[in-house]
Amino acid sequence: MTSRQMVLGMQFSGGYGAAPGAWRLPGANLNSYTDMDQFVRYAQAAERGKIQLLFIADTPVLDVDLDHHSPHHMKSASAST
C-alpha cells in the first residue's frame, strides 16, 4: 500500500499578507510589495515551516498610489467582472 502524503503550498499575493488593510498598519514596509529580498525572506520562512510549494502570480501590477490604495493583482482581460 502506498502511503499518502500532503503537499503544503503557499501563495504570495502581495507583500503585506491577505488582510486588505494590512498595508496601512504601523510599521508596514510599503516597498515590500516589490522587494525581492523580502520575498526571499518569506520563502526562507516557508521552507523552515516545511512548505513545499510557493506560488507567485505572473501578473502582479502596481498601478495605484500606495499612499491611498493597497496593491492588487490585475484581473486578466478574459476574467469576468
Protein backbone atom coordinates (compact mmCIF):
# COMPACT_ATOMS: atom_id res chain seq x y z
CA MET A 1 0.00 0.00 0.00
CA THR A 2 1.28 3.47 -0.87
CA SER A 3 1.37 5.96 1.98
CA ARG A 4 -0.48 9.19 1.31
CA GLN A 5 1.28 12.49 1.85
CA MET A 6 0.07 16.04 1.97
CA VAL A 7 1.92 18.71 -0.01
CA LEU A 8 1.83 22.12 1.67
CA GLY A 9 1.81 25.19 -0.53
CA MET A 10 1.65 28.93 -0.09
CA GLN A 11 0.60 31.72 -2.44
CA PHE A 12 2.25 35.12 -2.40
CA SER A 13 -0.49 37.62 -3.12
CA GLY A 14 1.39 40.74 -2.15
CA GLY A 15 3.96 41.98 0.26
CA TYR A 16 1.62 42.58 3.18
CA GLY A 17 -0.44 39.45 3.76
CA ALA A 18 -4.04 38.60 2.97
CA ALA A 19 -5.74 41.24 5.13
CA PRO A 20 -6.96 44.04 2.82
CA GLY A 21 -5.82 46.84 5.11
CA ALA A 22 -2.50 45.31 6.20
CA TRP A 23 -0.55 47.78 4.07
CA ARG A 24 -1.81 50.58 6.34
CA LEU A 25 -0.64 49.01 9.61
CA PRO A 26 2.03 50.88 11.57
CA GLY A 27 5.44 49.61 10.58
CA ALA A 28 4.27 48.13 7.26
CA ASN A 29 7.01 48.45 4.67
CA LEU A 30 5.36 49.87 1.55
CA ASN A 31 8.30 48.69 -0.53
CA SER A 32 7.81 45.03 0.42
CA TYR A 33 5.35 44.55 -2.47
CA THR A 34 8.20 44.85 -4.97
CA ASP A 35 11.18 43.94 -2.76
CA MET A 36 12.58 40.62 -3.96
CA ASP A 37 14.75 40.33 -0.84
CA GLN A 38 11.50 40.35 1.19
CA PHE A 39 10.14 37.51 -0.95
CA VAL A 40 13.38 35.57 -0.30
CA ARG A 41 12.84 36.02 3.44
CA TYR A 42 9.22 34.81 3.06
CA ALA A 43 10.47 31.78 1.11
CA GLN A 44 13.07 31.01 3.77
CA ALA A 45 10.41 31.19 6.48
CA ALA A 46 8.15 28.93 4.41
CA GLU A 47 10.99 26.45 4.00
CA ARG A 48 11.55 26.38 7.76
CA GLY A 49 7.82 25.63 8.10
CA LYS A 50 8.11 22.69 5.66
CA ILE A 51 6.13 24.45 2.90
CA GLN A 52 6.94 22.58 -0.31
CA LEU A 53 5.41 24.85 -2.94
CA LEU A 54 5.41 28.62 -3.40
CA PHE A 55 3.20 30.33 -5.97
CA ILE A 56 3.62 33.87 -7.24
CA ALA A 57 1.11 35.09 -9.82
CA ASP A 58 2.76 36.14 -13.05
CA THR A 59 0.61 39.25 -13.41
CA PRO A 60 1.44 41.48 -10.46
CA VAL A 61 0.72 45.10 -11.19
CA LEU A 62 1.37 48.26 -9.28
CA ASP A 63 -0.98 50.77 -10.84
CA VAL A 64 -2.19 52.61 -7.75
CA ASP A 65 -0.76 55.22 -5.41
CA LEU A 66 0.33 53.25 -2.35
CA ASP A 67 -0.34 56.27 -0.13
CA HIS A 68 -4.06 55.80 -0.77
CA HIS A 69 -4.70 52.26 -2.10
CA SER A 70 -3.39 48.78 -1.48
CA PRO A 71 -1.60 46.96 -4.31
CA HIS A 72 -3.51 44.25 -6.10
CA HIS A 73 -3.20 41.69 -8.86
CA MET A 74 -4.68 42.78 -12.15
CA LYS A 75 -7.59 40.79 -13.50
CA SER A 76 -6.93 39.27 -16.89
CA ALA A 77 -8.87 40.60 -19.86
CA SER A 78 -10.80 37.33 -20.05
CA ALA A 79 -11.83 37.39 -16.39
CA SER A 80 -15.49 38.02 -15.78
CA THR A 81 -16.44 41.13 -13.83
